[in-house]
Structures are given as structure tokens and as C-alpha cells.
PDB file of all heavy atoms in Angstrom:
ATOM      1  N   LEU A   1      96.241 111.524   6.913  1.00  0.00           N
ATOM      2  CA  LEU A   1      95.069 112.221   6.353  1.00  0.00           C
ATOM      3  C   LEU A   1      94.624 113.514   7.083  1.00  0.00           C
ATOM      4  O   LEU A   1      93.681 114.093   6.651  1.00  0.00           O
ATOM      5  CB  LEU A   1      93.879 111.236   6.268  1.00  0.00           C
ATOM      6  CG  LEU A   1      93.997 110.031   5.357  1.00  0.00           C
ATOM      7  CD1 LEU A   1      92.805 109.099   5.459  1.00  0.00           C
ATOM      8  CD2 LEU A   1      94.088 110.572   3.971  1.00  0.00           C
ATOM      9  N   ARG A   2      95.356 113.836   8.134  1.00  0.00           N
ATOM     10  CA  ARG A   2      94.947 115.107   8.750  1.00  0.00           C
ATOM     11  C   ARG A   2      95.335 116.292   7.869  1.00  0.00           C
ATOM     12  O   ARG A   2      96.334 116.367   7.140  1.00  0.00           O
ATOM     13  CB  ARG A   2      95.800 115.203  10.041  1.00  0.00           C
ATOM     14  CG  ARG A   2      95.240 114.175  11.101  1.00  0.00           C
ATOM     15  CD  ARG A   2      95.960 114.202  12.379  1.00  0.00           C
ATOM     16  NE  ARG A   2      95.608 113.043  13.149  1.00  0.00           N
ATOM     17  CZ  ARG A   2      96.143 112.752  14.287  1.00  0.00           C
ATOM     18  NH1 ARG A   2      97.119 113.548  14.899  1.00  0.00           N
ATOM     19  NH2 ARG A   2      95.849 111.563  14.915  1.00  0.00           N
ATOM     20  N   GLY A   3      94.443 117.232   7.768  1.00  0.00           N
ATOM     21  CA  GLY A   3      94.528 118.342   6.922  1.00  0.00           C
ATOM     22  C   GLY A   3      93.483 118.110   5.732  1.00  0.00           C
ATOM     23  O   GLY A   3      92.898 119.070   5.277  1.00  0.00           O
ATOM     24  N   GLU A   4      93.286 116.809   5.376  1.00  0.00           N
ATOM     25  CA  GLU A   4      92.187 116.503   4.424  1.00  0.00           C
ATOM     26  C   GLU A   4      90.892 116.084   5.172  1.00  0.00           C
ATOM     27  O   GLU A   4      89.879 116.551   4.847  1.00  0.00           O
ATOM     28  CB  GLU A   4      92.645 115.337   3.531  1.00  0.00           C
ATOM     29  CG  GLU A   4      93.901 115.653   2.827  1.00  0.00           C
ATOM     30  CD  GLU A   4      93.807 116.761   1.833  1.00  0.00           C
ATOM     31  OE1 GLU A   4      92.725 116.916   1.097  1.00  0.00           O
ATOM     32  OE2 GLU A   4      94.733 117.602   1.778  1.00  0.00           O
ATOM     33  N   VAL A   5      91.035 115.184   6.228  1.00  0.00           N
ATOM     34  CA  VAL A   5      89.865 114.765   6.888  1.00  0.00           C
ATOM     35  C   VAL A   5      89.871 115.389   8.256  1.00  0.00           C
ATOM     36  O   VAL A   5      90.941 115.403   8.973  1.00  0.00           O
ATOM     37  CB  VAL A   5      89.961 113.166   7.068  1.00  0.00           C
ATOM     38  CG1 VAL A   5      88.767 112.654   7.951  1.00  0.00           C
ATOM     39  CG2 VAL A   5      89.976 112.461   5.701  1.00  0.00           C
ATOM     40  N   GLU A   6      88.813 115.933   8.652  1.00  0.00           N
ATOM     41  CA  GLU A   6      88.637 116.617   9.967  1.00  0.00           C
ATOM     42  C   GLU A   6      88.388 115.617  11.049  1.00  0.00           C
ATOM     43  O   GLU A   6      88.992 115.667  12.136  1.00  0.00           O
ATOM     44  CB  GLU A   6      87.547 117.671  10.023  1.00  0.00           C
ATOM     45  CG  GLU A   6      87.815 118.902   9.191  1.00  0.00           C
ATOM     46  CD  GLU A   6      86.767 119.958   9.477  1.00  0.00           C
ATOM     47  OE1 GLU A   6      85.774 119.631  10.088  1.00  0.00           O
ATOM     48  OE2 GLU A   6      87.111 121.115   9.036  1.00  0.00           O
ATOM     49  N   ARG A   7      87.411 114.656  10.742  1.00  0.00           N
ATOM     50  CA  ARG A   7      86.989 113.749  11.806  1.00  0.00           C
ATOM     51  C   ARG A   7      86.597 112.393  11.222  1.00  0.00           C
ATOM     52  O   ARG A   7      86.074 112.411  10.093  1.00  0.00           O
ATOM     53  CB  ARG A   7      85.883 114.302  12.687  1.00  0.00           C
ATOM     54  CG  ARG A   7      86.164 115.413  13.522  1.00  0.00           C
ATOM     55  CD  ARG A   7      87.053 114.973  14.692  1.00  0.00           C
ATOM     56  NE  ARG A   7      87.269 116.097  15.670  1.00  0.00           N
ATOM     57  CZ  ARG A   7      88.154 117.032  15.599  1.00  0.00           C
ATOM     58  NH1 ARG A   7      89.019 117.031  14.544  1.00  0.00           N
ATOM     59  NH2 ARG A   7      88.315 117.976  16.518  1.00  0.00           N
ATOM     60  N   VAL A   8      86.841 111.367  11.969  1.00  0.00           N
ATOM     61  CA  VAL A   8      86.270 110.075  11.651  1.00  0.00           C
ATOM     62  C   VAL A   8      85.068 109.911  12.680  1.00  0.00           C
ATOM     63  O   VAL A   8      85.270 110.192  13.833  1.00  0.00           O
ATOM     64  CB  VAL A   8      87.246 108.917  11.937  1.00  0.00           C
ATOM     65  CG1 VAL A   8      86.693 107.599  11.657  1.00  0.00           C
ATOM     66  CG2 VAL A   8      88.503 109.113  10.951  1.00  0.00           C
ATOM     67  N   TRP A   9      83.923 109.538  12.159  1.00  0.00           N
ATOM     68  CA  TRP A   9      82.828 109.414  13.070  1.00  0.00           C
ATOM     69  C   TRP A   9      82.124 108.039  12.897  1.00  0.00           C
ATOM     70  O   TRP A   9      82.184 107.361  11.800  1.00  0.00           O
ATOM     71  CB  TRP A   9      81.828 110.554  12.912  1.00  0.00           C
ATOM     72  CG  TRP A   9      81.240 110.687  11.552  1.00  0.00           C
ATOM     73  CD1 TRP A   9      81.638 111.647  10.561  1.00  0.00           C
ATOM     74  CD2 TRP A   9      80.046 109.970  10.940  1.00  0.00           C
ATOM     75  NE1 TRP A   9      80.837 111.533   9.430  1.00  0.00           N
ATOM     76  CE2 TRP A   9      79.979 110.512   9.600  1.00  0.00           C
ATOM     77  CE3 TRP A   9      79.241 109.035  11.428  1.00  0.00           C
ATOM     78  CZ2 TRP A   9      78.890 110.077   8.874  1.00  0.00           C
ATOM     79  CZ3 TRP A   9      78.237 108.482  10.594  1.00  0.00           C
ATOM     80  CH2 TRP A   9      78.032 109.155   9.296  1.00  0.00           C
ATOM     81  N   THR A  10      81.471 107.553  14.005  1.00  0.00           N
ATOM     82  CA  THR A  10      80.804 106.352  13.976  1.00  0.00           C
ATOM     83  C   THR A  10      79.466 106.462  14.649  1.00  0.00           C
ATOM     84  O   THR A  10      79.340 107.451  15.549  1.00  0.00           O
ATOM     85  CB  THR A  10      81.540 105.178  14.645  1.00  0.00           C
ATOM     86  OG1 THR A  10      81.837 105.616  15.963  1.00  0.00           O
ATOM     87  CG2 THR A  10      82.778 104.815  13.917  1.00  0.00           C
ATOM     88  N   VAL A  11      78.442 105.821  14.286  1.00  0.00           N
ATOM     89  CA  VAL A  11      77.128 105.840  14.977  1.00  0.00           C
ATOM     90  C   VAL A  11      76.652 104.454  15.038  1.00  0.00           C
ATOM     91  O   VAL A  11      76.780 103.573  14.121  1.00  0.00           O
ATOM     92  CB  VAL A  11      76.162 106.767  14.150  1.00  0.00           C
ATOM     93  CG1 VAL A  11      75.924 106.261  12.705  1.00  0.00           C
ATOM     94  CG2 VAL A  11      74.913 106.907  14.826  1.00  0.00           C
ATOM     95  N   ARG A  12      76.044 104.145  16.203  1.00  0.00           N
ATOM     96  CA  ARG A  12      75.559 102.818  16.479  1.00  0.00           C
ATOM     97  C   ARG A  12      74.106 102.945  16.974  1.00  0.00           C
ATOM     98  O   ARG A  12      73.993 103.709  18.066  1.00  0.00           O
ATOM     99  CB  ARG A  12      76.445 101.970  17.327  1.00  0.00           C
ATOM    100  CG  ARG A  12      75.916 100.586  17.665  1.00  0.00           C
ATOM    101  CD  ARG A  12      76.843  99.900  18.706  1.00  0.00           C
ATOM    102  NE  ARG A  12      78.151  99.643  18.100  1.00  0.00           N
ATOM    103  CZ  ARG A  12      78.514  98.567  17.549  1.00  0.00           C
ATOM    104  NH1 ARG A  12      77.648  97.552  17.370  1.00  0.00           N
ATOM    105  NH2 ARG A  12      79.735  98.325  17.022  1.00  0.00           N
ATOM    106  N   VAL A  13      73.123 102.257  16.525  1.00  0.00           N
ATOM    107  CA  VAL A  13      71.796 102.260  17.015  1.00  0.00           C
ATOM    108  C   VAL A  13      71.469 100.876  17.581  1.00  0.00           C
ATOM    109  O   VAL A  13      71.713  99.888  16.924  1.00  0.00           O
ATOM    110  CB  VAL A  13      70.834 102.684  15.894  1.00  0.00           C
ATOM    111  CG1 VAL A  13      69.426 102.761  16.501  1.00  0.00           C
ATOM    112  CG2 VAL A  13      71.178 103.982  15.256  1.00  0.00           C
ATOM    113  N   ALA A  14      71.095 100.858  18.797  1.00  0.00           N
ATOM    114  CA  ALA A  14      70.688  99.584  19.391  1.00  0.00           C
ATOM    115  C   ALA A  14      69.595  98.914  18.593  1.00  0.00           C
ATOM    116  O   ALA A  14      68.731  99.441  17.939  1.00  0.00           O
ATOM    117  CB  ALA A  14      70.276  99.794  20.865  1.00  0.00           C
ATOM    118  N   ASP A  15      69.675  97.518  18.807  1.00  0.00           N
ATOM    119  CA  ASP A  15      68.653  96.687  18.020  1.00  0.00           C
ATOM    120  C   ASP A  15      67.272  96.940  18.336  1.00  0.00           C
ATOM    121  O   ASP A  15      66.375  96.854  17.606  1.00  0.00           O
ATOM    122  CB  ASP A  15      69.059  95.170  18.208  1.00  0.00           C
ATOM    123  CG  ASP A  15      70.347  94.845  17.501  1.00  0.00           C
ATOM    124  OD1 ASP A  15      70.730  95.481  16.599  1.00  0.00           O
ATOM    125  OD2 ASP A  15      70.915  93.776  17.922  1.00  0.00           O
ATOM    126  N   ASP A  16      67.058  97.328  19.700  1.00  0.00           N
ATOM    127  CA  ASP A  16      65.776  97.520  20.244  1.00  0.00           C
ATOM    128  C   ASP A  16      65.403  99.027  20.268  1.00  0.00           C
ATOM    129  O   ASP A  16      64.289  99.305  20.790  1.00  0.00           O
ATOM    130  CB  ASP A  16      65.578  96.918  21.637  1.00  0.00           C
ATOM    131  CG  ASP A  16      66.596  97.432  22.652  1.00  0.00           C
ATOM    132  OD1 ASP A  16      67.401  98.198  22.168  1.00  0.00           O
ATOM    133  OD2 ASP A  16      66.495  97.133  23.784  1.00  0.00           O
ATOM    134  N   ALA A  17      66.176  99.884  19.698  1.00  0.00           N
ATOM    135  CA  ALA A  17      65.924 101.258  19.673  1.00  0.00           C
ATOM    136  C   ALA A  17      64.992 101.615  18.555  1.00  0.00           C
ATOM    137  O   ALA A  17      64.837 100.911  17.505  1.00  0.00           O
ATOM    138  CB  ALA A  17      67.147 102.130  19.550  1.00  0.00           C
ATOM    139  N   PRO A  18      64.057 102.628  18.708  1.00  0.00           N
ATOM    140  CA  PRO A  18      63.212 103.012  17.598  1.00  0.00           C
ATOM    141  C   PRO A  18      64.020 103.721  16.458  1.00  0.00           C
ATOM    142  O   PRO A  18      65.130 104.250  16.808  1.00  0.00           O
ATOM    143  CB  PRO A  18      62.252 104.040  18.240  1.00  0.00           C
ATOM    144  CG  PRO A  18      63.005 104.572  19.335  1.00  0.00           C
ATOM    145  CD  PRO A  18      63.876 103.513  19.941  1.00  0.00           C
ATOM    146  N   ALA A  19      63.514 103.674  15.345  1.00  0.00           N
ATOM    147  CA  ALA A  19      64.084 104.417  14.192  1.00  0.00           C
ATOM    148  C   ALA A  19      63.939 105.879  14.553  1.00  0.00           C
ATOM    149  O   ALA A  19      63.021 106.323  15.214  1.00  0.00           O
ATOM    150  CB  ALA A  19      63.427 104.132  12.813  1.00  0.00           C
ATOM    151  N   ARG A  20      64.928 106.733  14.096  1.00  0.00           N
ATOM    152  CA  ARG A  20      64.847 108.068  14.316  1.00  0.00           C
ATOM    153  C   ARG A  20      65.536 108.828  13.202  1.00  0.00           C
ATOM    154  O   ARG A  20      66.367 108.278  12.395  1.00  0.00           O
ATOM    155  CB  ARG A  20      65.596 108.521  15.609  1.00  0.00           C
ATOM    156  CG  ARG A  20      67.045 108.192  15.674  1.00  0.00           C
ATOM    157  CD  ARG A  20      67.748 108.645  16.937  1.00  0.00           C
ATOM    158  NE  ARG A  20      67.661 110.071  17.014  1.00  0.00           N
ATOM    159  CZ  ARG A  20      68.262 110.808  17.919  1.00  0.00           C
ATOM    160  NH1 ARG A  20      68.873 110.194  19.044  1.00  0.00           N
ATOM    161  NH2 ARG A  20      68.251 112.156  17.972  1.00  0.00           N
ATOM    162  N   VAL A  21      65.234 110.152  13.070  1.00  0.00           N
ATOM    163  CA  VAL A  21      65.750 110.995  12.080  1.00  0.00           C
ATOM    164  C   VAL A  21      66.646 111.983  12.690  1.00  0.00           C
ATOM    165  O   VAL A  21      66.284 112.706  13.643  1.00  0.00           O
ATOM    166  CB  VAL A  21      64.687 111.697  11.222  1.00  0.00           C
ATOM    167  CG1 VAL A  21      65.364 112.639  10.191  1.00  0.00           C
ATOM    168  CG2 VAL A  21      63.817 110.655  10.441  1.00  0.00           C
ATOM    169  N   GLN A  22      68.010 112.034  12.244  1.00  0.00           N
ATOM    170  CA  GLN A  22      68.932 112.929  12.814  1.00  0.00           C
ATOM    171  C   GLN A  22      69.098 114.051  11.717  1.00  0.00           C
ATOM    172  O   GLN A  22      69.294 113.686  10.534  1.00  0.00           O
ATOM    173  CB  GLN A  22      70.288 112.194  13.061  1.00  0.00           C
ATOM    174  CG  GLN A  22      71.308 113.112  13.604  1.00  0.00           C
ATOM    175  CD  GLN A  22      72.634 112.293  13.680  1.00  0.00           C
ATOM    176  OE1 GLN A  22      72.790 111.277  13.041  1.00  0.00           O
ATOM    177  NE2 GLN A  22      73.537 112.778  14.539  1.00  0.00           N
ATOM    178  N   GLN A  23      68.989 115.304  12.134  1.00  0.00           N
ATOM    179  CA  GLN A  23      69.259 116.437  11.232  1.00  0.00           C
ATOM    180  C   GLN A  23      70.772 116.722  11.139  1.00  0.00           C
ATOM    181  O   GLN A  23      71.346 117.158  12.116  1.00  0.00           O
ATOM    182  CB  GLN A  23      68.446 117.605  11.653  1.00  0.00           C
ATOM    183  CG  GLN A  23      66.931 117.465  11.651  1.00  0.00           C
ATOM    184  CD  GLN A  23      66.373 117.267  10.316  1.00  0.00           C
ATOM    185  OE1 GLN A  23      67.031 117.667   9.273  1.00  0.00           O
ATOM    186  NE2 GLN A  23      65.225 116.725  10.189  1.00  0.00           N
ATOM    187  N   VAL A  24      71.316 116.627   9.836  1.00  0.00           N
ATOM    188  CA  VAL A  24      72.667 116.988   9.637  1.00  0.00           C
ATOM    189  C   VAL A  24      72.728 118.460   9.176  1.00  0.00           C
ATOM    190  O   VAL A  24      72.082 118.803   8.196  1.00  0.00           O
ATOM    191  CB  VAL A  24      73.298 116.035   8.587  1.00  0.00           C
ATOM    192  CG1 VAL A  24      74.779 116.439   8.364  1.00  0.00           C
ATOM    193  CG2 VAL A  24      73.143 114.645   9.055  1.00  0.00           C
ATOM    194  N   LEU A  25      73.499 119.269   9.869  1.00  0.00           N
ATOM    195  CA  LEU A  25      73.442 120.759   9.645  1.00  0.00           C
ATOM    196  C   LEU A  25      74.526 121.125   8.702  1.00  0.00           C
ATOM    197  O   LEU A  25      75.584 120.551   8.609  1.00  0.00           O
ATOM    198  CB  LEU A  25      73.588 121.525  10.975  1.00  0.00           C
ATOM    199  CG  LEU A  25      72.505 121.190  12.011  1.00  0.00           C
ATOM    200  CD1 LEU A  25      72.763 122.043  13.285  1.00  0.00           C
ATOM    201  CD2 LEU A  25      71.144 121.324  11.486  1.00  0.00           C
ATOM    202  N   PRO A  26      74.344 122.143   8.001  1.00  0.00           N
ATOM    203  CA  PRO A  26      75.344 122.778   7.074  1.00  0.00           C
ATOM    204  C   PRO A  26      76.702 123.135   7.852  1.00  0.00           C
ATOM    205  O   PRO A  26      76.571 123.786   8.826  1.00  0.00           O
ATOM    206  CB  PRO A  26      74.711 123.948   6.434  1.00  0.00           C
ATOM    207  CG  PRO A  26      73.274 123.823   6.680  1.00  0.00           C
ATOM    208  CD  PRO A  26      73.111 123.059   7.841  1.00  0.00           C
ATOM    209  N   ASP A  27      77.713 122.702   7.272  1.00  0.00           N
ATOM    210  CA  ASP A  27      79.029 123.056   7.913  1.00  0.00           C
ATOM    211  C   ASP A  27      80.179 123.320   6.907  1.00  0.00           C
ATOM    212  O   ASP A  27      81.322 123.497   7.355  1.00  0.00           O
ATOM    213  CB  ASP A  27      79.442 121.930   8.911  1.00  0.00           C
ATOM    214  CG  ASP A  27      79.670 120.616   8.220  1.00  0.00           C
ATOM    215  OD1 ASP A  27      79.569 120.541   7.027  1.00  0.00           O
ATOM    216  OD2 ASP A  27      79.898 119.650   8.965  1.00  0.00           O
ATOM    217  N   GLY A  28      79.876 123.330   5.623  1.00  0.00           N
ATOM    218  CA  GLY A  28      80.865 123.477   4.640  1.00  0.00           C
ATOM    219  C   GLY A  28      81.693 122.311   4.205  1.00  0.00           C
ATOM    220  O   GLY A  28      82.451 122.260   3.305  1.00  0.00           O
ATOM    221  N   CYS A  29      81.383 121.139   4.931  1.00  0.00           N
ATOM    222  CA  CYS A  29      82.137 119.936   4.710  1.00  0.00           C
ATOM    223  C   CYS A  29      81.355 119.025   3.766  1.00  0.00           C
ATOM    224  O   CYS A  29      80.205 119.149   3.493  1.00  0.00           O
ATOM    225  CB  CYS A  29      82.348 119.280   6.023  1.00  0.00           C
ATOM    226  SG  CYS A  29      83.340 120.204   7.192  1.00  0.00           S
ATOM    227  N   MET A  30      82.125 118.014   3.323  1.00  0.00           N
ATOM    228  CA  MET A  30      81.532 116.869   2.606  1.00  0.00           C
ATOM    229  C   MET A  30      82.041 115.578   3.359  1.00  0.00           C
ATOM    230  O   MET A  30      83.062 115.593   3.909  1.00  0.00           O
ATOM    231  CB  MET A  30      81.908 116.851   1.149  1.00  0.00           C
ATOM    232  CG  MET A  30      81.387 117.883   0.338  1.00  0.00           C
ATOM    233  SD  MET A  30      81.866 117.949  -1.440  1.00  0.00           S
ATOM    234  CE  MET A  30      81.474 116.306  -1.971  1.00  0.00           C
ATOM    235  N   ASP A  31      81.164 114.544   3.282  1.00  0.00           N
ATOM    236  CA  ASP A  31      81.480 113.345   4.015  1.00  0.00           C
ATOM    237  C   ASP A  31      81.495 112.105   3.049  1.00  0.00           C
ATOM    238  O   ASP A  31      80.729 112.100   2.087  1.00  0.00           O
ATOM    239  CB  ASP A  31      80.463 113.039   5.117  1.00  0.00           C
ATOM    240  CG  ASP A  31      80.583 114.001   6.244  1.00  0.00           C
ATOM    241  OD1 ASP A  31      80.793 115.192   6.094  1.00  0.00           O
ATOM    242  OD2 ASP A  31      80.579 113.553   7.469  1.00  0.00           O
ATOM    243  N   LEU A  32      82.278 111.084   3.354  1.00  0.00           N
ATOM    244  CA  LEU A  32      82.169 109.798   2.777  1.00  0.00           C
ATOM    245  C   LEU A  32      81.496 108.942   3.852  1.00  0.00           C
ATOM    246  O   LEU A  32      82.052 108.872   4.924  1.00  0.00           O
ATOM    247  CB  LEU A  32      83.559 109.313   2.375  1.00  0.00           C
ATOM    248  CG  LEU A  32      83.703 107.963   1.675  1.00  0.00           C
ATOM    249  CD1 LEU A  32      82.987 108.064   0.315  1.00  0.00           C
ATOM    250  CD2 LEU A  32      85.112 107.570   1.460  1.00  0.00           C
ATOM    251  N   VAL A  33      80.350 108.319   3.481  1.00  0.00           N
ATOM    252  CA  VAL A  33      79.513 107.712   4.520  1.00  0.00           C
ATOM    253  C   VAL A  33      79.185 106.329   4.213  1.00  0.00           C
ATOM    254  O   VAL A  33      78.751 106.033   3.016  1.00  0.00           O
ATOM    255  CB  VAL A  33      78.214 108.566   4.643  1.00  0.00           C
ATOM    256  CG1 VAL A  33      77.266 107.893   5.618  1.00  0.00           C
ATOM    257  CG2 VAL A  33      78.509 110.001   4.914  1.00  0.00           C
ATOM    258  N   TRP A  34      79.259 105.476   5.275  1.00  0.00           N
ATOM    259  CA  TRP A  34      78.597 104.158   5.152  1.00  0.00           C
ATOM    260  C   TRP A  34      77.471 104.203   6.103  1.00  0.00           C
ATOM    261  O   TRP A  34      77.581 104.351   7.356  1.00  0.00           O
ATOM    262  CB  TRP A  34      79.615 103.042   5.569  1.00  0.00           C
ATOM    263  CG  TRP A  34      78.951 101.711   5.806  1.00  0.00           C
ATOM    264  CD1 TRP A  34      78.877 100.962   6.971  1.00  0.00           C
ATOM    265  CD2 TRP A  34      78.332 100.928   4.747  1.00  0.00           C
ATOM    266  NE1 TRP A  34      78.283  99.804   6.768  1.00  0.00           N
ATOM    267  CE2 TRP A  34      77.891  99.686   5.439  1.00  0.00           C
ATOM    268  CE3 TRP A  34      78.047 101.046   3.489  1.00  0.00           C
ATOM    269  CZ2 TRP A  34      77.282  98.714   4.735  1.00  0.00           C
ATOM    270  CZ3 TRP A  34      77.386 100.019   2.770  1.00  0.00           C
ATOM    271  CH2 TRP A  34      76.920  98.866   3.341  1.00  0.00           C
ATOM    272  N   THR A  35      76.283 104.041   5.590  1.00  0.00           N
ATOM    273  CA  THR A  35      75.048 104.162   6.448  1.00  0.00           C
ATOM    274  C   THR A  35      74.678 102.902   7.076  1.00  0.00           C
ATOM    275  O   THR A  35      73.759 102.882   7.968  1.00  0.00           O
ATOM    276  CB  THR A  35      73.771 104.662   5.576  1.00  0.00           C
ATOM    277  OG1 THR A  35      73.462 103.570   4.712  1.00  0.00           O
ATOM    278  CG2 THR A  35      74.007 105.907   4.803  1.00  0.00           C
ATOM    279  N   GLY A  36      75.372 101.790   6.681  1.00  0.00           N
ATOM    280  CA  GLY A  36      74.953 100.542   7.154  1.00  0.00           C
ATOM    281  C   GLY A  36      74.295  99.786   6.119  1.00  0.00           C
ATOM    282  O   GLY A  36      74.143  98.502   6.050  1.00  0.00           O
ATOM    283  N   ARG A  37      73.840 100.465   5.006  1.00  0.00           N
ATOM    284  CA  ARG A  37      73.174  99.946   3.938  1.00  0.00           C
ATOM    285  C   ARG A  37      73.785 100.498   2.581  1.00  0.00           C
ATOM    286  O   ARG A  37      73.773  99.781   1.586  1.00  0.00           O
ATOM    287  CB  ARG A  37      71.705 100.174   3.923  1.00  0.00           C
ATOM    288  CG  ARG A  37      70.970  99.629   5.161  1.00  0.00           C
ATOM    289  CD  ARG A  37      69.566 100.152   5.288  1.00  0.00           C
ATOM    290  NE  ARG A  37      69.473 101.549   5.406  1.00  0.00           N
ATOM    291  CZ  ARG A  37      69.711 102.260   6.556  1.00  0.00           C
ATOM    292  NH1 ARG A  37      70.045 101.526   7.709  1.00  0.00           N
ATOM    293  NH2 ARG A  37      69.630 103.495   6.667  1.00  0.00           N
ATOM    294  N   GLU A  38      74.207 101.778   2.611  1.00  0.00           N
ATOM    295  CA  GLU A  38      74.656 102.428   1.388  1.00  0.00           C
ATOM    296  C   GLU A  38      76.028 103.051   1.621  1.00  0.00           C
ATOM    297  O   GLU A  38      76.335 103.548   2.761  1.00  0.00           O
ATOM    298  CB  GLU A  38      73.702 103.455   0.952  1.00  0.00           C
ATOM    299  CG  GLU A  38      72.322 102.926   0.486  1.00  0.00           C
ATOM    300  CD  GLU A  38      71.384 104.001   0.018  1.00  0.00           C
ATOM    301  OE1 GLU A  38      70.866 104.772   0.939  1.00  0.00           O
ATOM    302  OE2 GLU A  38      71.279 104.289  -1.155  1.00  0.00           O
TER     303      GLU A  38
END
């Protein structure tokens, strides 16, 4: 998939961590995302 996909990424939030908002910045890319819910 190299050449089509630039990176595979994962994110994990601890059970006792507060909710937070992360700002995703414009980069010309599109992502296929599993949020943990959607």
C-alpha cells in the first residue's frame, strides 16, 4: 500500500484521562478513520 497510504496511525487515551480536543490541521490528505465509535 505504499504510494497510496502515507502512514498508519493509532491513538490511545487512558481510561482515567480527561476528554480532550485535538486539532487536525490541513495537509492535503484524506484519512480512513476508526474513532473507537465510528
